[in-house]
């Protein structure tokens, strides 16, 4: 009978194995073994599915904040999975999020009241 820890360490998804070794077993993220395991994450089925909506420009055709499908959520999920930093293939998604966050429509909904930043929601 396999215990839960062994089950996690044998899981097919590399991000689960990585997170188990780093967060549960406390292995060094700079160890050659974990660095190699981290390099498997971008090619995993889960990551492939998350990035499957990218068009020829590398962007996702939904509003960046569309729950779970937009570029913001895809980047958040990738970060949570332990996706390695510095992958240029994610640059179009970051630009998509920046364009939204720094765009006129979004920034107009932000105001400061008594020194505290607040966001107005249209129609409220």
PDB file of N, CA and C in Angstrom:
ATOM      1  N   UNK A   1       0.846  -1.181   0.000  1.00  0.00           N
ATOM      2  CA  UNK A   1       0.000   0.000   0.000  1.00  0.00           C
ATOM      3  C   UNK A   1       0.892   1.245   0.000  1.00  0.00           C
ATOM      4  N   UNK A   2       0.561   2.188  -0.858  1.00  0.00           N
ATOM      5  CA  UNK A   2       1.353   3.411  -0.984  1.00  0.00           C
ATOM      6  C   UNK A   2       0.781   4.496  -0.054  1.00  0.00           C
ATOM      7  N   UNK A   3       1.661   5.204   0.638  1.00  0.00           N
ATOM      8  CA  UNK A   3       1.163   6.280   1.496  1.00  0.00           C
ATOM      9  C   UNK A   3       0.997   7.559   0.683  1.00  0.00           C
ATOM     10  N   UNK A   4       0.397   8.552   1.286  1.00  0.00           N
ATOM     11  CA  UNK A   4       0.062   9.799   0.589  1.00  0.00           C
ATOM     12  C   UNK A   4       1.302  10.511   0.059  1.00  0.00           C
ATOM     13  N   UNK A   5       2.356  10.541   0.851  1.00  0.00           N
ATOM     14  CA  UNK A   5       3.576  11.219   0.425  1.00  0.00           C
ATOM     15  C   UNK A   5       4.180  10.542  -0.800  1.00  0.00           C
ATOM     16  N   UNK A   6       4.258   9.237  -0.777  1.00  0.00           N
ATOM     17  CA  UNK A   6       4.778   8.506  -1.937  1.00  0.00           C
ATOM     18  C   UNK A   6       3.897   8.731  -3.161  1.00  0.00           C
ATOM     19  N   UNK A   7       2.590   8.777  -2.939  1.00  0.00           N
ATOM     20  CA  UNK A   7       1.651   9.023  -4.033  1.00  0.00           C
ATOM     21  C   UNK A   7       1.936  10.382  -4.676  1.00  0.00           C
ATOM     22  N   UNK A   8       2.148  11.420  -3.845  1.00  0.00           N
ATOM     23  CA  UNK A   8       2.448  12.749  -4.363  1.00  0.00           C
ATOM     24  C   UNK A   8       3.793  12.773  -5.090  1.00  0.00           C
ATOM     25  N   UNK A   9       4.774  12.075  -4.559  1.00  0.00           N
ATOM     26  CA  UNK A   9       6.105  12.052  -5.169  1.00  0.00           C
ATOM     27  C   UNK A   9       6.130  11.276  -6.485  1.00  0.00           C
ATOM     28  N   UNK A  10       5.138  10.433  -6.723  1.00  0.00           N
ATOM     29  CA  UNK A  10       5.062   9.667  -7.964  1.00  0.00           C
ATOM     30  C   UNK A  10       4.018  10.235  -8.925  1.00  0.00           C
ATOM     31  N   UNK A  11       3.383  11.343  -8.540  1.00  0.00           N
ATOM     32  CA  UNK A  11       2.325  11.934  -9.352  1.00  0.00           C
ATOM     33  C   UNK A  11       2.857  12.284 -10.744  1.00  0.00           C
ATOM     34  N   UNK A  12       2.031  12.141 -11.749  1.00  0.00           N
ATOM     35  CA  UNK A  12       2.488  12.391 -13.125  1.00  0.00           C
ATOM     36  C   UNK A  12       2.754  13.869 -13.402  1.00  0.00           C
ATOM     37  N   UNK A  13       2.068  14.760 -12.719  1.00  0.00           N
ATOM     38  CA  UNK A  13       2.234  16.203 -12.930  1.00  0.00           C
ATOM     39  C   UNK A  13       3.490  16.686 -12.195  1.00  0.00           C
ATOM     40  N   UNK A  14       4.486  17.227 -12.936  1.00  0.00           N
ATOM     41  CA  UNK A  14       5.740  17.628 -12.284  1.00  0.00           C
ATOM     42  C   UNK A  14       5.570  18.724 -11.235  1.00  0.00           C
ATOM     43  N   UNK A  15       4.595  19.605 -11.406  1.00  0.00           N
ATOM     44  CA  UNK A  15       4.404  20.666 -10.406  1.00  0.00           C
ATOM     45  C   UNK A  15       4.002  20.087  -9.055  1.00  0.00           C
ATOM     46  N   UNK A  16       3.253  18.990  -9.049  1.00  0.00           N
ATOM     47  CA  UNK A  16       2.877  18.345  -7.787  1.00  0.00           C
ATOM     48  C   UNK A  16       4.109  17.730  -7.128  1.00  0.00           C
ATOM     49  N   UNK A  17       4.925  17.070  -7.917  1.00  0.00           N
ATOM     50  CA  UNK A  17       6.160  16.487  -7.365  1.00  0.00           C
ATOM     51  C   UNK A  17       7.082  17.589  -6.843  1.00  0.00           C
ATOM     52  N   UNK A  18       7.209  18.687  -7.615  1.00  0.00           N
ATOM     53  CA  UNK A  18       8.061  19.805  -7.219  1.00  0.00           C
ATOM     54  C   UNK A  18       7.566  20.414  -5.905  1.00  0.00           C
ATOM     55  N   UNK A  19       6.284  20.729  -5.858  1.00  0.00           N
ATOM     56  CA  UNK A  19       5.713  21.353  -4.655  1.00  0.00           C
ATOM     57  C   UNK A  19       5.841  20.440  -3.437  1.00  0.00           C
ATOM     58  N   UNK A  20       5.679  19.154  -3.630  1.00  0.00           N
ATOM     59  CA  UNK A  20       5.807  18.205  -2.516  1.00  0.00           C
ATOM     60  C   UNK A  20       7.237  18.186  -2.000  1.00  0.00           C
ATOM     61  N   UNK A  21       8.180  18.117  -2.916  1.00  0.00           N
ATOM     62  CA  UNK A  21       9.583  18.066  -2.494  1.00  0.00           C
ATOM     63  C   UNK A  21      10.026  19.376  -1.843  1.00  0.00           C
ATOM     64  N   UNK A  22       9.543  20.507  -2.360  1.00  0.00           N
ATOM     65  CA  UNK A  22       9.952  21.806  -1.827  1.00  0.00           C
ATOM     66  C   UNK A  22       9.168  22.167  -0.554  1.00  0.00           C
ATOM     67  N   UNK A  23       7.839  22.108  -0.626  1.00  0.00           N
ATOM     68  CA  UNK A  23       7.004  22.578   0.485  1.00  0.00           C
ATOM     69  C   UNK A  23       6.839  21.560   1.612  1.00  0.00           C
ATOM     70  N   UNK A  24       6.837  20.283   1.293  1.00  0.00           N
ATOM     71  CA  UNK A  24       6.614  19.270   2.319  1.00  0.00           C
ATOM     72  C   UNK A  24       7.936  18.720   2.858  1.00  0.00           C
ATOM     73  N   UNK A  25       8.824  18.362   1.947  1.00  0.00           N
ATOM     74  CA  UNK A  25      10.092  17.769   2.370  1.00  0.00           C
ATOM     75  C   UNK A  25      11.179  18.803   2.632  1.00  0.00           C
ATOM     76  N   UNK A  26      10.937  20.060   2.222  1.00  0.00           N
ATOM     77  CA  UNK A  26      11.883  21.134   2.507  1.00  0.00           C
ATOM     78  C   UNK A  26      13.159  21.087   1.701  1.00  0.00           C
ATOM     79  N   UNK A  27      13.121  20.476   0.524  1.00  0.00           N
ATOM     80  CA  UNK A  27      14.320  20.416  -0.312  1.00  0.00           C
ATOM     81  C   UNK A  27      14.669  21.802  -0.847  1.00  0.00           C
ATOM     82  N   UNK A  28      15.934  22.014  -1.090  1.00  0.00           N
ATOM     83  CA  UNK A  28      16.455  23.285  -1.594  1.00  0.00           C
ATOM     84  C   UNK A  28      16.016  23.495  -3.047  1.00  0.00           C
ATOM     85  N   UNK A  29      15.389  24.630  -3.321  1.00  0.00           N
ATOM     86  CA  UNK A  29      14.912  24.910  -4.683  1.00  0.00           C
ATOM     87  C   UNK A  29      16.056  25.070  -5.681  1.00  0.00           C
ATOM     88  N   UNK A  30      17.273  25.280  -5.189  1.00  0.00           N
ATOM     89  CA  UNK A  30      18.435  25.416  -6.064  1.00  0.00           C
ATOM     90  C   UNK A  30      19.206  24.109  -6.236  1.00  0.00           C
ATOM     91  N   UNK A  31      18.685  23.033  -5.675  1.00  0.00           N
ATOM     92  CA  UNK A  31      19.366  21.749  -5.848  1.00  0.00           C
ATOM     93  C   UNK A  31      19.224  21.310  -7.304  1.00  0.00           C
ATOM     94  N   UNK A  32      20.202  20.598  -7.828  1.00  0.00           N
ATOM     95  CA  UNK A  32      20.122  20.150  -9.221  1.00  0.00           C
ATOM     96  C   UNK A  32      18.853  19.335  -9.514  1.00  0.00           C
ATOM     97  N   UNK A  33      18.419  18.534  -8.532  1.00  0.00           N
ATOM     98  CA  UNK A  33      17.232  17.708  -8.733  1.00  0.00           C
ATOM     99  C   UNK A  33      15.974  18.557  -8.882  1.00  0.00           C
ATOM    100  N   UNK A  34      15.814  19.553  -7.996  1.00  0.00           N
ATOM    101  CA  UNK A  34      14.617  20.393  -8.086  1.00  0.00           C
ATOM    102  C   UNK A  34      14.686  21.349  -9.270  1.00  0.00           C
ATOM    103  N   UNK A  35      15.863  21.819  -9.612  1.00  0.00           N
ATOM    104  CA  UNK A  35      15.985  22.656 -10.807  1.00  0.00           C
ATOM    105  C   UNK A  35      15.579  21.865 -12.056  1.00  0.00           C
ATOM    106  N   UNK A  36      16.012  20.621 -12.133  1.00  0.00           N
ATOM    107  CA  UNK A  36      15.645  19.772 -13.275  1.00  0.00           C
ATOM    108  C   UNK A  36      14.148  19.493 -13.284  1.00  0.00           C
ATOM    109  N   UNK A  37      13.589  19.223 -12.128  1.00  0.00           N
ATOM    110  CA  UNK A  37      12.146  18.976 -12.037  1.00  0.00           C
ATOM    111  C   UNK A  37      11.365  20.231 -12.420  1.00  0.00           C
ATOM    112  N   UNK A  38      11.840  21.395 -11.998  1.00  0.00           N
ATOM    113  CA  UNK A  38      11.188  22.653 -12.365  1.00  0.00           C
ATOM    114  C   UNK A  38      11.172  22.885 -13.870  1.00  0.00           C
ATOM    115  N   UNK A  39      12.201  22.394 -14.553  1.00  0.00           N
ATOM    116  CA  UNK A  39      12.253  22.557 -16.002  1.00  0.00           C
ATOM    117  C   UNK A  39      11.251  21.662 -16.731  1.00  0.00           C
ATOM    118  N   UNK A  40      10.711  20.674 -16.041  1.00  0.00           N
ATOM    119  CA  UNK A  40       9.671  19.825 -16.635  1.00  0.00           C
ATOM    120  C   UNK A  40       8.307  20.504 -16.627  1.00  0.00           C
ATOM    121  N   UNK A  41       8.111  21.449 -15.723  1.00  0.00           N
ATOM    122  CA  UNK A  41       6.795  22.065 -15.535  1.00  0.00           C
ATOM    123  C   UNK A  41       6.273  22.729 -16.806  1.00  0.00           C
ATOM    124  N   UNK A  42       7.067  23.511 -17.548  1.00  0.00           N
ATOM    125  CA  UNK A  42       6.525  24.166 -18.746  1.00  0.00           C
ATOM    126  C   UNK A  42       6.004  23.206 -19.813  1.00  0.00           C
ATOM    127  N   UNK A  43       6.467  21.970 -19.806  1.00  0.00           N
ATOM    128  CA  UNK A  43       6.048  20.997 -20.814  1.00  0.00           C
ATOM    129  C   UNK A  43       4.989  20.027 -20.307  1.00  0.00           C
ATOM    130  N   UNK A  44       4.446  20.290 -19.139  1.00  0.00           N
ATOM    131  CA  UNK A  44       3.475  19.375 -18.541  1.00  0.00           C
ATOM    132  C   UNK A  44       2.099  19.521 -19.198  1.00  0.00           C
ATOM    133  N   UNK A  45       1.274  18.494 -19.109  1.00  0.00           N
ATOM    134  CA  UNK A  45      -0.079  18.568 -19.669  1.00  0.00           C
ATOM    135  C   UNK A  45      -0.921  19.696 -19.058  1.00  0.00           C
ATOM    136  N   UNK A  46      -0.778  19.942 -17.770  1.00  0.00           N
ATOM    137  CA  UNK A  46      -1.553  21.002 -17.122  1.00  0.00           C
ATOM    138  C   UNK A  46      -1.182  22.371 -17.672  1.00  0.00           C
ATOM    139  N   UNK A  47       0.107  22.629 -17.810  1.00  0.00           N
ATOM    140  CA  UNK A  47       0.560  23.907 -18.370  1.00  0.00           C
ATOM    141  C   UNK A  47       0.136  24.021 -19.834  1.00  0.00           C
ATOM    142  N   UNK A  48       0.252  22.946 -20.572  1.00  0.00           N
ATOM    143  CA  UNK A  48      -0.181  22.961 -21.978  1.00  0.00           C
ATOM    144  C   UNK A  48      -1.642  23.346 -22.086  1.00  0.00           C
ATOM    145  N   UNK A  49      -2.458  22.832 -21.182  1.00  0.00           N
ATOM    146  CA  UNK A  49      -3.883  23.163 -21.195  1.00  0.00           C
ATOM    147  C   UNK A  49      -4.108  24.629 -20.843  1.00  0.00           C
ATOM    148  N   UNK A  50      -3.388  25.124 -19.845  1.00  0.00           N
ATOM    149  CA  UNK A  50      -3.536  26.528 -19.455  1.00  0.00           C
ATOM    150  C   UNK A  50      -3.161  27.476 -20.596  1.00  0.00           C
ATOM    151  N   UNK A  51      -2.163  27.093 -21.372  1.00  0.00           N
ATOM    152  CA  UNK A  51      -1.685  27.962 -22.458  1.00  0.00           C
ATOM    153  C   UNK A  51      -2.320  27.633 -23.810  1.00  0.00           C
ATOM    154  N   UNK A  52      -3.237  26.699 -23.839  1.00  0.00           N
ATOM    155  CA  UNK A  52      -3.816  26.238 -25.105  1.00  0.00           C
ATOM    156  C   UNK A  52      -4.637  27.301 -25.836  1.00  0.00           C
ATOM    157  N   UNK A  53      -5.062  28.334 -25.140  1.00  0.00           N
ATOM    158  CA  UNK A  53      -5.872  29.392 -25.756  1.00  0.00           C
ATOM    159  C   UNK A  53      -5.024  30.485 -26.401  1.00  0.00           C
ATOM    160  N   UNK A  54      -3.695  30.416 -26.249  1.00  0.00           N
ATOM    161  CA  UNK A  54      -2.852  31.457 -26.829  1.00  0.00           C
ATOM    162  C   UNK A  54      -2.991  31.475 -28.347  1.00  0.00           C
ATOM    163  N   UNK A  55      -3.082  32.697 -28.906  1.00  0.00           N
ATOM    164  CA  UNK A  55      -3.160  32.829 -30.361  1.00  0.00           C
ATOM    165  C   UNK A  55      -1.750  32.937 -30.947  1.00  0.00           C
ATOM    166  N   UNK A  56      -1.661  33.245 -32.224  1.00  0.00           N
ATOM    167  CA  UNK A  56      -0.356  33.300 -32.895  1.00  0.00           C
ATOM    168  C   UNK A  56       0.555  34.390 -32.336  1.00  0.00           C
ATOM    169  N   UNK A  57      -0.028  35.403 -31.654  1.00  0.00           N
ATOM    170  CA  UNK A  57       0.766  36.458 -31.017  1.00  0.00           C
ATOM    171  C   UNK A  57       1.110  36.136 -29.567  1.00  0.00           C
ATOM    172  N   UNK A  58       0.645  34.986 -29.086  1.00  0.00           N
ATOM    173  CA  UNK A  58       0.918  34.585 -27.710  1.00  0.00           C
ATOM    174  C   UNK A  58      -0.070  35.125 -26.702  1.00  0.00           C
ATOM    175  N   UNK A  59      -1.124  35.801 -27.163  1.00  0.00           N
ATOM    176  CA  UNK A  59      -2.123  36.353 -26.257  1.00  0.00           C
ATOM    177  C   UNK A  59      -3.321  35.418 -26.159  1.00  0.00           C
ATOM    178  N   UNK A  60      -4.118  35.633 -25.137  1.00  0.00           N
ATOM    179  CA  UNK A  60      -5.334  34.849 -24.937  1.00  0.00           C
ATOM    180  C   UNK A  60      -6.514  35.735 -25.316  1.00  0.00           C
ATOM    181  N   UNK A  61      -7.466  35.229 -26.111  1.00  0.00           N
ATOM    182  CA  UNK A  61      -8.506  36.085 -26.684  1.00  0.00           C
ATOM    183  C   UNK A  61      -9.623  36.502 -25.734  1.00  0.00           C
ATOM    184  N   UNK A  62      -9.429  36.355 -24.457  1.00  0.00           N
ATOM    185  CA  UNK A  62     -10.461  36.744 -23.498  1.00  0.00           C
ATOM    186  C   UNK A  62     -10.007  37.988 -22.743  1.00  0.00           C
ATOM    187  N   UNK A  63     -10.949  38.637 -22.046  1.00  0.00           N
ATOM    188  CA  UNK A  63     -10.570  39.739 -21.169  1.00  0.00           C
ATOM    189  C   UNK A  63      -9.531  39.199 -20.184  1.00  0.00           C
ATOM    190  N   UNK A  64      -8.483  39.957 -19.894  1.00  0.00           N
ATOM    191  CA  UNK A  64      -7.418  39.448 -19.028  1.00  0.00           C
ATOM    192  C   UNK A  64      -7.887  38.960 -17.660  1.00  0.00           C
ATOM    193  N   UNK A  65      -9.016  39.493 -17.183  1.00  0.00           N
ATOM    194  CA  UNK A  65      -9.478  39.100 -15.854  1.00  0.00           C
ATOM    195  C   UNK A  65     -10.645  38.122 -15.914  1.00  0.00           C
ATOM    196  N   UNK A  66     -10.953  37.596 -17.100  1.00  0.00           N
ATOM    197  CA  UNK A  66     -12.028  36.600 -17.169  1.00  0.00           C
ATOM    198  C   UNK A  66     -11.620  35.415 -16.315  1.00  0.00           C
ATOM    199  N   UNK A  67     -12.461  35.095 -15.352  1.00  0.00           N
ATOM    200  CA  UNK A  67     -12.140  34.086 -14.345  1.00  0.00           C
ATOM    201  C   UNK A  67     -11.611  32.799 -14.959  1.00  0.00           C
ATOM    202  N   UNK A  68     -10.422  32.420 -14.539  1.00  0.00           N
ATOM    203  CA  UNK A  68      -9.714  31.190 -14.862  1.00  0.00           C
ATOM    204  C   UNK A  68      -9.235  31.094 -16.305  1.00  0.00           C
ATOM    205  N   UNK A  69      -9.746  31.911 -17.225  1.00  0.00           N
ATOM    206  CA  UNK A  69      -9.353  31.796 -18.634  1.00  0.00           C
ATOM    207  C   UNK A  69      -8.525  32.965 -19.122  1.00  0.00           C
ATOM    208  N   UNK A  70      -8.680  34.124 -18.490  1.00  0.00           N
ATOM    209  CA  UNK A  70      -7.966  35.318 -18.923  1.00  0.00           C
ATOM    210  C   UNK A  70      -6.486  35.261 -18.573  1.00  0.00           C
ATOM    211  N   UNK A  71      -5.714  36.127 -19.212  1.00  0.00           N
ATOM    212  CA  UNK A  71      -4.255  36.136 -19.039  1.00  0.00           C
ATOM    213  C   UNK A  71      -3.839  36.308 -17.581  1.00  0.00           C
ATOM    214  N   UNK A  72      -4.546  37.155 -16.841  1.00  0.00           N
ATOM    215  CA  UNK A  72      -4.217  37.347 -15.423  1.00  0.00           C
ATOM    216  C   UNK A  72      -4.295  36.026 -14.664  1.00  0.00           C
ATOM    217  N   UNK A  73      -5.384  35.305 -14.839  1.00  0.00           N
ATOM    218  CA  UNK A  73      -5.589  34.058 -14.112  1.00  0.00           C
ATOM    219  C   UNK A  73      -4.647  32.966 -14.591  1.00  0.00           C
ATOM    220  N   UNK A  74      -4.365  32.930 -15.866  1.00  0.00           N
ATOM    221  CA  UNK A  74      -3.423  31.929 -16.377  1.00  0.00           C
ATOM    222  C   UNK A  74      -2.041  32.168 -15.768  1.00  0.00           C
ATOM    223  N   UNK A  75      -1.598  33.421 -15.730  1.00  0.00           N
ATOM    224  CA  UNK A  75      -0.299  33.728 -15.128  1.00  0.00           C
ATOM    225  C   UNK A  75      -0.289  33.401 -13.638  1.00  0.00           C
ATOM    226  N   UNK A  76      -1.385  33.698 -12.945  1.00  0.00           N
ATOM    227  CA  UNK A  76      -1.471  33.388 -11.518  1.00  0.00           C
ATOM    228  C   UNK A  76      -1.384  31.879 -11.290  1.00  0.00           C
ATOM    229  N   UNK A  77      -2.078  31.110 -12.110  1.00  0.00           N
ATOM    230  CA  UNK A  77      -2.036  29.643 -11.988  1.00  0.00           C
ATOM    231  C   UNK A  77      -0.638  29.111 -12.287  1.00  0.00           C
ATOM    232  N   UNK A  78      -0.008  29.650 -13.315  1.00  0.00           N
ATOM    233  CA  UNK A  78       1.338  29.202 -13.656  1.00  0.00           C
ATOM    234  C   UNK A  78       2.313  29.481 -12.510  1.00  0.00           C
ATOM    235  N   UNK A  79       2.191  30.656 -11.909  1.00  0.00           N
ATOM    236  CA  UNK A  79       3.052  30.986 -10.776  1.00  0.00           C
ATOM    237  C   UNK A  79       2.808  30.020  -9.624  1.00  0.00           C
ATOM    238  N   UNK A  80       1.550  29.714  -9.376  1.00  0.00           N
ATOM    239  CA  UNK A  80       1.216  28.799  -8.284  1.00  0.00           C
ATOM    240  C   UNK A  80       1.732  27.388  -8.548  1.00  0.00           C
ATOM    241  N   UNK A  81       1.815  27.017  -9.805  1.00  0.00           N
ATOM    242  CA  UNK A  81       2.329  25.693 -10.167  1.00  0.00           C
ATOM    243  C   UNK A  81       3.849  25.604 -10.076  1.00  0.00           C
ATOM    244  N   UNK A  82       4.511  26.747  -9.897  1.00  0.00           N
ATOM    245  CA  UNK A  82       5.970  26.750  -9.838  1.00  0.00           C
ATOM    246  C   UNK A  82       6.626  26.898 -11.193  1.00  0.00           C
ATOM    247  N   UNK A  83       5.887  27.483 -12.143  1.00  0.00           N
ATOM    248  CA  UNK A  83       6.430  27.694 -13.487  1.00  0.00           C
ATOM    249  C   UNK A  83       7.714  28.519 -13.365  1.00  0.00           C
ATOM    250  N   UNK A  84       8.802  28.102 -13.997  1.00  0.00           N
ATOM    251  CA  UNK A  84      10.073  28.819 -13.856  1.00  0.00           C
ATOM    252  C   UNK A  84       9.994  30.257 -14.393  1.00  0.00           C
ATOM    253  N   UNK A  85      10.663  31.150 -13.703  1.00  0.00           N
ATOM    254  CA  UNK A  85      10.690  32.561 -14.099  1.00  0.00           C
ATOM    255  C   UNK A  85      11.497  32.755 -15.372  1.00  0.00           C
ATOM    256  N   UNK A  86      11.174  33.819 -16.101  1.00  0.00           N
ATOM    257  CA  UNK A  86      11.985  34.237 -17.226  1.00  0.00           C
ATOM    258  C   UNK A  86      11.647  33.636 -18.574  1.00  0.00           C
ATOM    259  N   UNK A  87      10.552  32.932 -18.693  1.00  0.00           N
ATOM    260  CA  UNK A  87      10.183  32.330 -19.969  1.00  0.00           C
ATOM    261  C   UNK A  87       9.577  33.398 -20.886  1.00  0.00           C
ATOM    262  N   UNK A  88      10.255  33.684 -21.981  1.00  0.00           N
ATOM    263  CA  UNK A  88       9.816  34.738 -22.914  1.00  0.00           C
ATOM    264  C   UNK A  88       8.463  34.434 -23.546  1.00  0.00           C
ATOM    265  N   UNK A  89       8.059  33.170 -23.547  1.00  0.00           N
ATOM    266  CA  UNK A  89       6.754  32.815 -24.128  1.00  0.00           C
ATOM    267  C   UNK A  89       5.585  33.410 -23.338  1.00  0.00           C
ATOM    268  N   UNK A  90       5.852  33.824 -22.091  1.00  0.00           N
ATOM    269  CA  UNK A  90       4.798  34.413 -21.264  1.00  0.00           C
ATOM    270  C   UNK A  90       4.725  35.928 -21.405  1.00  0.00           C
ATOM    271  N   UNK A  91       5.693  36.531 -22.076  1.00  0.00           N
ATOM    272  CA  UNK A  91       5.734  37.981 -22.236  1.00  0.00           C
ATOM    273  C   UNK A  91       4.444  38.546 -22.843  1.00  0.00           C
ATOM    274  N   UNK A  92       3.875  37.955 -23.898  1.00  0.00           N
ATOM    275  CA  UNK A  92       2.629  38.498 -24.443  1.00  0.00           C
ATOM    276  C   UNK A  92       1.482  38.500 -23.430  1.00  0.00           C
ATOM    277  N   UNK A  93       1.445  37.504 -22.560  1.00  0.00           N
ATOM    278  CA  UNK A  93       0.398  37.469 -21.535  1.00  0.00           C
ATOM    279  C   UNK A  93       0.611  38.580 -20.510  1.00  0.00           C
ATOM    280  N   UNK A  94       1.860  38.810 -20.127  1.00  0.00           N
ATOM    281  CA  UNK A  94       2.154  39.890 -19.186  1.00  0.00           C
ATOM    282  C   UNK A  94       1.796  41.234 -19.802  1.00  0.00           C
ATOM    283  N   UNK A  95       2.129  41.425 -21.072  1.00  0.00           N
ATOM    284  CA  UNK A  95       1.781  42.680 -21.750  1.00  0.00           C
ATOM    285  C   UNK A  95       0.272  42.863 -21.829  1.00  0.00           C
ATOM    286  N   UNK A  96      -0.438  41.785 -22.040  1.00  0.00           N
ATOM    287  CA  UNK A  96      -1.898  41.832 -22.092  1.00  0.00           C
ATOM    288  C   UNK A  96      -2.464  42.294 -20.736  1.00  0.00           C
ATOM    289  N   UNK A  97      -1.926  41.780 -19.659  1.00  0.00           N
ATOM    290  CA  UNK A  97      -2.379  42.163 -18.324  1.00  0.00           C
ATOM    291  C   UNK A  97      -1.996  43.612 -18.034  1.00  0.00           C
ATOM    292  N   UNK A  98      -0.762  43.998 -18.355  1.00  0.00           N
ATOM    293  CA  UNK A  98      -0.343  45.387 -18.138  1.00  0.00           C
ATOM    294  C   UNK A  98      -1.210  46.365 -18.925  1.00  0.00           C
ATOM    295  N   UNK A  99      -1.506  46.026 -20.157  1.00  0.00           N
ATOM    296  CA  UNK A  99      -2.348  46.894 -20.999  1.00  0.00           C
ATOM    297  C   UNK A  99      -3.706  47.111 -20.329  1.00  0.00           C
ATOM    298  N   UNK A 100      -4.255  46.073 -19.770  1.00  0.00           N
ATOM    299  CA  UNK A 100      -5.547  46.179 -19.078  1.00  0.00           C
ATOM    300  C   UNK A 100      -5.415  46.995 -17.789  1.00  0.00           C
ATOM    301  N   UNK A 101      -4.438  46.635 -16.938  1.00  0.00           N
ATOM    302  CA  UNK A 101      -4.306  47.304 -15.644  1.00  0.00           C
ATOM    303  C   UNK A 101      -3.929  48.775 -15.760  1.00  0.00           C
ATOM    304  N   UNK A 102      -3.126  49.099 -16.765  1.00  0.00           N
ATOM    305  CA  UNK A 102      -2.666  50.476 -16.923  1.00  0.00           C
ATOM    306  C   UNK A 102      -3.495  51.256 -17.934  1.00  0.00           C
ATOM    307  N   UNK A 103      -4.513  50.618 -18.495  1.00  0.00           N
ATOM    308  CA  UNK A 103      -5.367  51.265 -19.478  1.00  0.00           C
ATOM    309  C   UNK A 103      -6.277  52.312 -18.854  1.00  0.00           C
ATOM    310  N   UNK A 104      -6.738  53.202 -19.674  1.00  0.00           N
ATOM    311  CA  UNK A 104      -7.559  54.329 -19.207  1.00  0.00           C
ATOM    312  C   UNK A 104      -8.825  53.873 -18.486  1.00  0.00           C
ATOM    313  N   UNK A 105      -9.516  52.901 -19.045  1.00  0.00           N
ATOM    314  CA  UNK A 105     -10.771  52.448 -18.435  1.00  0.00           C
ATOM    315  C   UNK A 105     -10.546  51.921 -17.016  1.00  0.00           C
ATOM    316  N   UNK A 106      -9.488  51.162 -16.836  1.00  0.00           N
ATOM    317  CA  UNK A 106      -9.216  50.593 -15.509  1.00  0.00           C
ATOM    318  C   UNK A 106      -8.724  51.670 -14.541  1.00  0.00           C
ATOM    319  N   UNK A 107      -7.787  52.507 -14.976  1.00  0.00           N
ATOM    320  CA  UNK A 107      -7.218  53.499 -14.060  1.00  0.00           C
ATOM    321  C   UNK A 107      -8.236  54.566 -13.667  1.00  0.00           C
ATOM    322  N   UNK A 108      -9.228  54.825 -14.512  1.00  0.00           N
ATOM    323  CA  UNK A 108     -10.267  55.796 -14.159  1.00  0.00           C
ATOM    324  C   UNK A 108     -11.142  55.304 -13.010  1.00  0.00           C
ATOM    325  N   UNK A 109     -11.170  54.017 -12.799  1.00  0.00           N
ATOM    326  CA  UNK A 109     -12.001  53.459 -11.730  1.00  0.00           C
ATOM    327  C   UNK A 109     -11.273  53.454 -10.384  1.00  0.00           C
ATOM    328  N   UNK A 110     -10.061  53.993 -10.344  1.00  0.00           N
ATOM    329  CA  UNK A 110      -9.274  54.022  -9.112  1.00  0.00           C
ATOM    330  C   UNK A 110      -9.252  55.446  -8.583  1.00  0.00           C
ATOM    331  N   UNK A 111      -9.559  55.599  -7.308  1.00  0.00           N
ATOM    332  CA  UNK A 111      -9.518  56.921  -6.696  1.00  0.00           C
ATOM    333  C   UNK A 111      -8.934  56.813  -5.294  1.00  0.00           C
ATOM    334  N   UNK A 112      -8.487  57.947  -4.765  1.00  0.00           N
ATOM    335  CA  UNK A 112      -7.945  57.993  -3.415  1.00  0.00           C
ATOM    336  C   UNK A 112      -8.876  58.822  -2.548  1.00  0.00           C
ATOM    337  N   UNK A 113      -9.323  58.236  -1.454  1.00  0.00           N
ATOM    338  CA  UNK A 113     -10.219  58.911  -0.510  1.00  0.00           C
ATOM    339  C   UNK A 113      -9.549  58.862   0.857  1.00  0.00           C
ATOM    340  N   UNK A 114      -9.288  60.019   1.420  1.00  0.00           N
ATOM    341  CA  UNK A 114      -8.637  60.116   2.734  1.00  0.00           C
ATOM    342  C   UNK A 114      -7.344  59.298   2.786  1.00  0.00           C
ATOM    343  N   UNK A 115      -6.567  59.368   1.717  1.00  0.00           N
ATOM    344  CA  UNK A 115      -5.285  58.697   1.668  1.00  0.00           C
ATOM    345  C   UNK A 115      -5.347  57.203   1.401  1.00  0.00           C
ATOM    346  N   UNK A 116      -6.545  56.687   1.160  1.00  0.00           N
ATOM    347  CA  UNK A 116      -6.693  55.262   0.876  1.00  0.00           C
ATOM    348  C   UNK A 116      -7.171  55.066  -0.552  1.00  0.00           C
ATOM    349  N   UNK A 117      -6.493  54.172  -1.236  1.00  0.00           N
ATOM    350  CA  UNK A 117      -6.835  53.908  -2.633  1.00  0.00           C
ATOM    351  C   UNK A 117      -8.059  53.004  -2.676  1.00  0.00           C
ATOM    352  N   UNK A 118      -9.025  53.409  -3.476  1.00  0.00           N
ATOM    353  CA  UNK A 118     -10.266  52.651  -3.641  1.00  0.00           C
ATOM    354  C   UNK A 118     -10.546  52.495  -5.122  1.00  0.00           C
ATOM    355  N   UNK A 119     -11.269  51.474  -5.439  1.00  0.00           N
ATOM    356  CA  UNK A 119     -11.660  51.251  -6.828  1.00  0.00           C
ATOM    357  C   UNK A 119     -13.160  51.356  -6.919  1.00  0.00           C
ATOM    358  N   UNK A 120     -13.610  52.200  -7.856  1.00  0.00           N
ATOM    359  CA  UNK A 120     -15.047  52.324  -8.134  1.00  0.00           C
ATOM    360  C   UNK A 120     -15.429  51.266  -9.131  1.00  0.00           C
ATOM    361  N   UNK A 121     -16.573  50.692  -8.959  1.00  0.00           N
ATOM    362  CA  UNK A 121     -17.083  49.715  -9.916  1.00  0.00           C
ATOM    363  C   UNK A 121     -18.203  50.369 -10.701  1.00  0.00           C
ATOM    364  N   UNK A 122     -18.112  50.320 -12.030  1.00  0.00           N
ATOM    365  CA  UNK A 122     -19.149  50.933 -12.851  1.00  0.00           C
ATOM    366  C   UNK A 122     -20.533  50.383 -12.487  1.00  0.00           C
ATOM    367  N   UNK A 123     -21.507  51.285 -12.458  1.00  0.00           N
ATOM    368  CA  UNK A 123     -22.876  50.885 -12.194  1.00  0.00           C
ATOM    369  C   UNK A 123     -23.194  50.714 -10.719  1.00  0.00           C
ATOM    370  N   UNK A 124     -22.283  51.063  -9.848  1.00  0.00           N
ATOM    371  CA  UNK A 124     -22.557  50.951  -8.393  1.00  0.00           C
ATOM    372  C   UNK A 124     -22.521  52.294  -7.742  1.00  0.00           C
TER     373      UNK A 124
END
